[in-house]
Amino acid sequence: METGTSRTSTTLTQPTCIYSAYEPIAYALLRITTGAVLLTHGLPKALGTSHGSMTDPMAGSINLIENVMGLPFAPQLAIGVMLLETIGAVMLAAGMATRAVALLFLVEMVGICFALGPTWPWIDRGIEYPAVLGVLSLYMFARGGGNWSADERFHRRQRLI
């Protein structure tokens, strides 16, 4: 490297003010979209309606928990999954108790990946979607609610009191 040559002369100028201004919005959209996607899996279980190729998603969850994962109390666990995928999804989208809810979703997605692991390829019942949702949950667990969240609003109010 020659003397007097700047390392930044070979890189593109980055408008960091734009990135820093829009990053909280992008993260809020990521959190809201993830919550909405998870809600689309919880509502059919809660309402007893079909979802995609599954005529009874709640029965499918019970079957997965009981017969594939071999866990006891499958109906009760399936109700917990349904509550997480409905109430938890709305909480995640709103950024309410984000870290706790994201951790629960991470555990759920790891369990789904473990149960469906033998069908890894991108075919029906593969684990690519739970894997992506699991990584998103891990990120939200590490990051928290962000600037545009109920968590931030609550903590801001607590700091003022």
C-alpha atoms as a PDB file:
ATOM      1  CA  MET A   1       0.000   0.000   0.000  1.00  0.00           C
ATOM      2  CA  GLU A   2       1.408   3.337  -1.006  1.00  0.00           C
ATOM      3  CA  THR A   3       1.874   6.114   1.462  1.00  0.00           C
ATOM      4  CA  GLY A   4      -0.975   8.583   1.404  1.00  0.00           C
ATOM      5  CA  THR A   5      -3.440   6.219  -0.286  1.00  0.00           C
ATOM      6  CA  SER A   6      -6.708   5.957   1.560  1.00  0.00           C
ATOM      7  CA  ARG A   7      -8.292   2.547   2.026  1.00  0.00           C
ATOM      8  CA  THR A   8     -11.720   4.082   1.588  1.00  0.00           C
ATOM      9  CA  SER A   9     -10.915   5.225  -1.920  1.00  0.00           C
ATOM     10  CA  THR A  10     -11.558   1.693  -3.190  1.00  0.00           C
ATOM     11  CA  THR A  11     -14.902   1.250  -1.463  1.00  0.00           C
ATOM     12  CA  LEU A  12     -18.275   2.690  -2.283  1.00  0.00           C
ATOM     13  CA  THR A  13     -19.492   5.589  -0.238  1.00  0.00           C
ATOM     14  CA  GLN A  14     -22.133   4.331   2.132  1.00  0.00           C
ATOM     15  CA  PRO A  15     -24.968   6.607   3.200  1.00  0.00           C
ATOM     16  CA  THR A  16     -24.826   5.502   6.824  1.00  0.00           C
ATOM     17  CA  CYS A  17     -27.375   8.095   7.875  1.00  0.00           C
ATOM     18  CA  ILE A  18     -29.954   6.373   5.663  1.00  0.00           C
ATOM     19  CA  TYR A  19     -29.034   2.941   6.991  1.00  0.00           C
ATOM     20  CA  SER A  20     -29.219   4.031  10.609  1.00  0.00           C
ATOM     21  CA  ALA A  21     -32.533   5.811  10.037  1.00  0.00           C
ATOM     22  CA  TYR A  22     -34.264   2.906   8.304  1.00  0.00           C
ATOM     23  CA  GLU A  23     -32.746  -0.017  10.196  1.00  0.00           C
ATOM     24  CA  PRO A  24     -35.252   0.198  13.095  1.00  0.00           C
ATOM     25  CA  ILE A  25     -38.105   0.236  10.574  1.00  0.00           C
ATOM     26  CA  ALA A  26     -36.658  -2.764   8.735  1.00  0.00           C
ATOM     27  CA  TYR A  27     -36.280  -4.672  12.001  1.00  0.00           C
ATOM     28  CA  ALA A  28     -39.854  -3.840  13.025  1.00  0.00           C
ATOM     29  CA  LEU A  29     -41.062  -5.110   9.637  1.00  0.00           C
ATOM     30  CA  LEU A  30     -39.027  -8.299  10.124  1.00  0.00           C
ATOM     31  CA  ARG A  31     -40.578  -8.837  13.560  1.00  0.00           C
ATOM     32  CA  ILE A  32     -44.120  -8.049  12.355  1.00  0.00           C
ATOM     33  CA  THR A  33     -43.812 -10.274   9.290  1.00  0.00           C
ATOM     34  CA  THR A  34     -42.425 -13.167  11.324  1.00  0.00           C
ATOM     35  CA  GLY A  35     -45.310 -12.804  13.782  1.00  0.00           C
ATOM     36  CA  ALA A  36     -47.820 -12.738  10.917  1.00  0.00           C
ATOM     37  CA  VAL A  37     -46.330 -15.878   9.347  1.00  0.00           C
ATOM     38  CA  LEU A  38     -46.478 -17.700  12.674  1.00  0.00           C
ATOM     39  CA  LEU A  39     -50.043 -16.493  13.248  1.00  0.00           C
ATOM     40  CA  THR A  40     -51.105 -18.120   9.968  1.00  0.00           C
ATOM     41  CA  HIS A  41     -50.115 -21.442  11.523  1.00  0.00           C
ATOM     42  CA  GLY A  42     -51.763 -20.806  14.884  1.00  0.00           C
ATOM     43  CA  LEU A  43     -55.150 -19.496  13.773  1.00  0.00           C
ATOM     44  CA  PRO A  44     -56.188 -22.651  11.865  1.00  0.00           C
ATOM     45  CA  LYS A  45     -55.335 -24.696  14.969  1.00  0.00           C
ATOM     46  CA  ALA A  46     -57.347 -22.336  17.171  1.00  0.00           C
ATOM     47  CA  LEU A  47     -60.322 -22.099  14.810  1.00  0.00           C
ATOM     48  CA  GLY A  48     -60.351 -25.751  13.741  1.00  0.00           C
ATOM     49  CA  THR A  49     -60.033 -24.862  10.058  1.00  0.00           C
ATOM     50  CA  SER A  50     -57.848 -26.380   7.367  1.00  0.00           C
ATOM     51  CA  HIS A  51     -54.417 -24.986   6.557  1.00  0.00           C
ATOM     52  CA  GLY A  52     -52.917 -25.794   3.186  1.00  0.00           C
ATOM     53  CA  SER A  53     -52.946 -29.550   2.692  1.00  0.00           C
ATOM     54  CA  MET A  54     -53.783 -30.180   6.379  1.00  0.00           C
ATOM     55  CA  THR A  55     -57.501 -30.617   6.976  1.00  0.00           C
ATOM     56  CA  ASP A  56     -57.042 -30.570  10.775  1.00  0.00           C
ATOM     57  CA  PRO A  57     -53.832 -28.786  11.830  1.00  0.00           C
ATOM     58  CA  MET A  58     -54.491 -29.396  15.532  1.00  0.00           C
ATOM     59  CA  ALA A  59     -54.718 -33.150  14.964  1.00  0.00           C
ATOM     60  CA  GLY A  60     -51.545 -32.898  12.873  1.00  0.00           C
ATOM     61  CA  SER A  61     -49.753 -31.184  15.754  1.00  0.00           C
ATOM     62  CA  ILE A  62     -50.951 -33.798  18.225  1.00  0.00           C
ATOM     63  CA  ASN A  63     -49.794 -36.557  15.864  1.00  0.00           C
ATOM     64  CA  LEU A  64     -46.368 -34.946  15.403  1.00  0.00           C
ATOM     65  CA  ILE A  65     -45.872 -34.465  19.146  1.00  0.00           C
ATOM     66  CA  GLU A  66     -47.139 -37.906  20.121  1.00  0.00           C
ATOM     67  CA  ASN A  67     -46.057 -40.241  17.329  1.00  0.00           C
ATOM     68  CA  VAL A  68     -43.026 -38.565  15.771  1.00  0.00           C
ATOM     69  CA  MET A  69     -41.473 -36.890  18.806  1.00  0.00           C
ATOM     70  CA  GLY A  70     -42.747 -39.469  21.290  1.00  0.00           C
ATOM     71  CA  LEU A  71     -43.650 -36.899  23.933  1.00  0.00           C
ATOM     72  CA  PRO A  72     -46.345 -37.455  26.568  1.00  0.00           C
ATOM     73  CA  PHE A  73     -49.321 -35.123  27.024  1.00  0.00           C
ATOM     74  CA  ALA A  74     -49.524 -34.458  23.278  1.00  0.00           C
ATOM     75  CA  PRO A  75     -52.983 -32.791  23.347  1.00  0.00           C
ATOM     76  CA  GLN A  76     -51.906 -30.412  26.113  1.00  0.00           C
ATOM     77  CA  LEU A  77     -48.619 -29.610  24.360  1.00  0.00           C
ATOM     78  CA  ALA A  78     -50.509 -29.014  21.104  1.00  0.00           C
ATOM     79  CA  ILE A  79     -52.737 -26.507  22.923  1.00  0.00           C
ATOM     80  CA  GLY A  80     -49.567 -24.797  24.150  1.00  0.00           C
ATOM     81  CA  VAL A  81     -48.244 -24.688  20.583  1.00  0.00           C
ATOM     82  CA  MET A  82     -51.557 -23.264  19.365  1.00  0.00           C
ATOM     83  CA  LEU A  83     -51.501 -20.573  22.066  1.00  0.00           C
ATOM     84  CA  LEU A  84     -47.893 -19.718  21.245  1.00  0.00           C
ATOM     85  CA  GLU A  85     -48.642 -19.522  17.527  1.00  0.00           C
ATOM     86  CA  THR A  86     -51.654 -17.247  18.119  1.00  0.00           C
ATOM     87  CA  ILE A  87     -51.131 -15.114  21.225  1.00  0.00           C
ATOM     88  CA  GLY A  88     -47.341 -15.388  21.034  1.00  0.00           C
ATOM     89  CA  ALA A  89     -47.334 -14.442  17.354  1.00  0.00           C
ATOM     90  CA  VAL A  90     -49.364 -11.301  18.067  1.00  0.00           C
ATOM     91  CA  MET A  91     -47.054 -10.459  20.975  1.00  0.00           C
ATOM     92  CA  LEU A  92     -44.004 -10.959  18.758  1.00  0.00           C
ATOM     93  CA  ALA A  93     -45.455  -8.759  16.030  1.00  0.00           C
ATOM     94  CA  ALA A  94     -46.181  -6.036  18.597  1.00  0.00           C
ATOM     95  CA  GLY A  95     -42.769  -6.419  20.186  1.00  0.00           C
ATOM     96  CA  MET A  96     -44.264  -7.357  23.556  1.00  0.00           C
ATOM     97  CA  ALA A  97     -42.045  -9.572  25.764  1.00  0.00           C
ATOM     98  CA  THR A  98     -40.067 -10.117  22.574  1.00  0.00           C
ATOM     99  CA  ARG A  99     -37.132 -12.009  24.051  1.00  0.00           C
ATOM    100  CA  ALA A 100     -39.278 -14.456  26.026  1.00  0.00           C
ATOM    101  CA  VAL A 101     -41.653 -15.123  23.125  1.00  0.00           C
ATOM    102  CA  ALA A 102     -38.791 -15.437  20.628  1.00  0.00           C
ATOM    103  CA  LEU A 103     -37.102 -17.977  22.918  1.00  0.00           C
ATOM    104  CA  LEU A 104     -40.302 -20.048  23.028  1.00  0.00           C
ATOM    105  CA  PHE A 105     -40.535 -19.929  19.226  1.00  0.00           C
ATOM    106  CA  LEU A 106     -36.877 -20.928  18.972  1.00  0.00           C
ATOM    107  CA  VAL A 107     -37.536 -23.991  21.144  1.00  0.00           C
ATOM    108  CA  GLU A 108     -40.588 -24.848  19.031  1.00  0.00           C
ATOM    109  CA  MET A 109     -38.684 -24.502  15.747  1.00  0.00           C
ATOM    110  CA  VAL A 110     -35.762 -26.605  16.997  1.00  0.00           C
ATOM    111  CA  GLY A 111     -38.287 -29.268  18.030  1.00  0.00           C
ATOM    112  CA  ILE A 112     -39.954 -29.181  14.611  1.00  0.00           C
ATOM    113  CA  CYS A 113     -36.581 -29.393  12.856  1.00  0.00           C
ATOM    114  CA  PHE A 114     -35.638 -32.343  15.049  1.00  0.00           C
ATOM    115  CA  ALA A 115     -38.945 -34.103  14.363  1.00  0.00           C
ATOM    116  CA  LEU A 116     -38.926 -33.457  10.618  1.00  0.00           C
ATOM    117  CA  GLY A 117     -35.155 -33.698  10.173  1.00  0.00           C
ATOM    118  CA  PRO A 118     -35.240 -36.872   8.077  1.00  0.00           C
ATOM    119  CA  THR A 119     -37.273 -34.979   5.443  1.00  0.00           C
ATOM    120  CA  TRP A 120     -34.733 -32.159   5.107  1.00  0.00           C
ATOM    121  CA  PRO A 121     -35.003 -31.668   1.313  1.00  0.00           C
ATOM    122  CA  TRP A 122     -37.266 -28.926   0.019  1.00  0.00           C
ATOM    123  CA  ILE A 123     -40.235 -31.199  -0.409  1.00  0.00           C
ATOM    124  CA  ASP A 124     -43.526 -31.428   1.420  1.00  0.00           C
ATOM    125  CA  ARG A 125     -42.886 -31.401   5.180  1.00  0.00           C
ATOM    126  CA  GLY A 126     -39.247 -30.330   4.882  1.00  0.00           C
ATOM    127  CA  ILE A 127     -37.573 -28.250   7.567  1.00  0.00           C
ATOM    128  CA  GLU A 128     -36.397 -25.237   5.570  1.00  0.00           C
ATOM    129  CA  TYR A 129     -39.178 -22.982   6.892  1.00  0.00           C
ATOM    130  CA  PRO A 130     -38.814 -23.987  10.555  1.00  0.00           C
ATOM    131  CA  ALA A 131     -35.036 -23.576  10.179  1.00  0.00           C
ATOM    132  CA  VAL A 132     -35.433 -20.012   8.871  1.00  0.00           C
ATOM    133  CA  LEU A 133     -38.056 -19.185  11.516  1.00  0.00           C
ATOM    134  CA  GLY A 134     -35.741 -20.638  14.163  1.00  0.00           C
ATOM    135  CA  VAL A 135     -32.846 -18.431  13.082  1.00  0.00           C
ATOM    136  CA  LEU A 136     -35.157 -15.393  12.998  1.00  0.00           C
ATOM    137  CA  SER A 137     -36.344 -16.295  16.510  1.00  0.00           C
ATOM    138  CA  LEU A 138     -32.743 -16.587  17.685  1.00  0.00           C
ATOM    139  CA  TYR A 139     -31.987 -13.147  16.249  1.00  0.00           C
ATOM    140  CA  MET A 140     -35.056 -11.595  17.898  1.00  0.00           C
ATOM    141  CA  PHE A 141     -34.164 -13.288  21.186  1.00  0.00           C
ATOM    142  CA  ALA A 142     -30.695 -11.743  21.009  1.00  0.00           C
ATOM    143  CA  ARG A 143     -31.857  -8.337  19.784  1.00  0.00           C
ATOM    144  CA  GLY A 144     -35.065  -7.760  21.722  1.00  0.00           C
ATOM    145  CA  GLY A 145     -38.024  -5.745  20.531  1.00  0.00           C
ATOM    146  CA  GLY A 146     -36.193  -2.886  18.888  1.00  0.00           C
ATOM    147  CA  ASN A 147     -37.059   0.804  18.741  1.00  0.00           C
ATOM    148  CA  TRP A 148     -40.564   0.327  17.347  1.00  0.00           C
ATOM    149  CA  SER A 149     -41.940  -2.145  19.891  1.00  0.00           C
ATOM    150  CA  ALA A 150     -44.145  -2.365  22.946  1.00  0.00           C
ATOM    151  CA  ASP A 151     -41.047  -3.397  24.915  1.00  0.00           C
ATOM    152  CA  GLU A 152     -39.263  -0.156  24.031  1.00  0.00           C
ATOM    153  CA  ARG A 153     -42.327   1.931  24.794  1.00  0.00           C
ATOM    154  CA  PHE A 154     -42.736   0.231  28.191  1.00  0.00           C
ATOM    155  CA  HIS A 155     -39.051   0.633  29.060  1.00  0.00           C
ATOM    156  CA  ARG A 156     -39.054   4.261  27.919  1.00  0.00           C
ATOM    157  CA  ARG A 157     -42.057   4.943  30.175  1.00  0.00           C
ATOM    158  CA  GLN A 158     -40.318   3.193  33.099  1.00  0.00           C
ATOM    159  CA  ARG A 159     -37.225   5.385  32.620  1.00  0.00           C
ATOM    160  CA  LEU A 160     -39.385   8.515  32.813  1.00  0.00           C
ATOM    161  CA  ILE A 161     -41.051   7.511  36.081  1.00  0.00           C
END
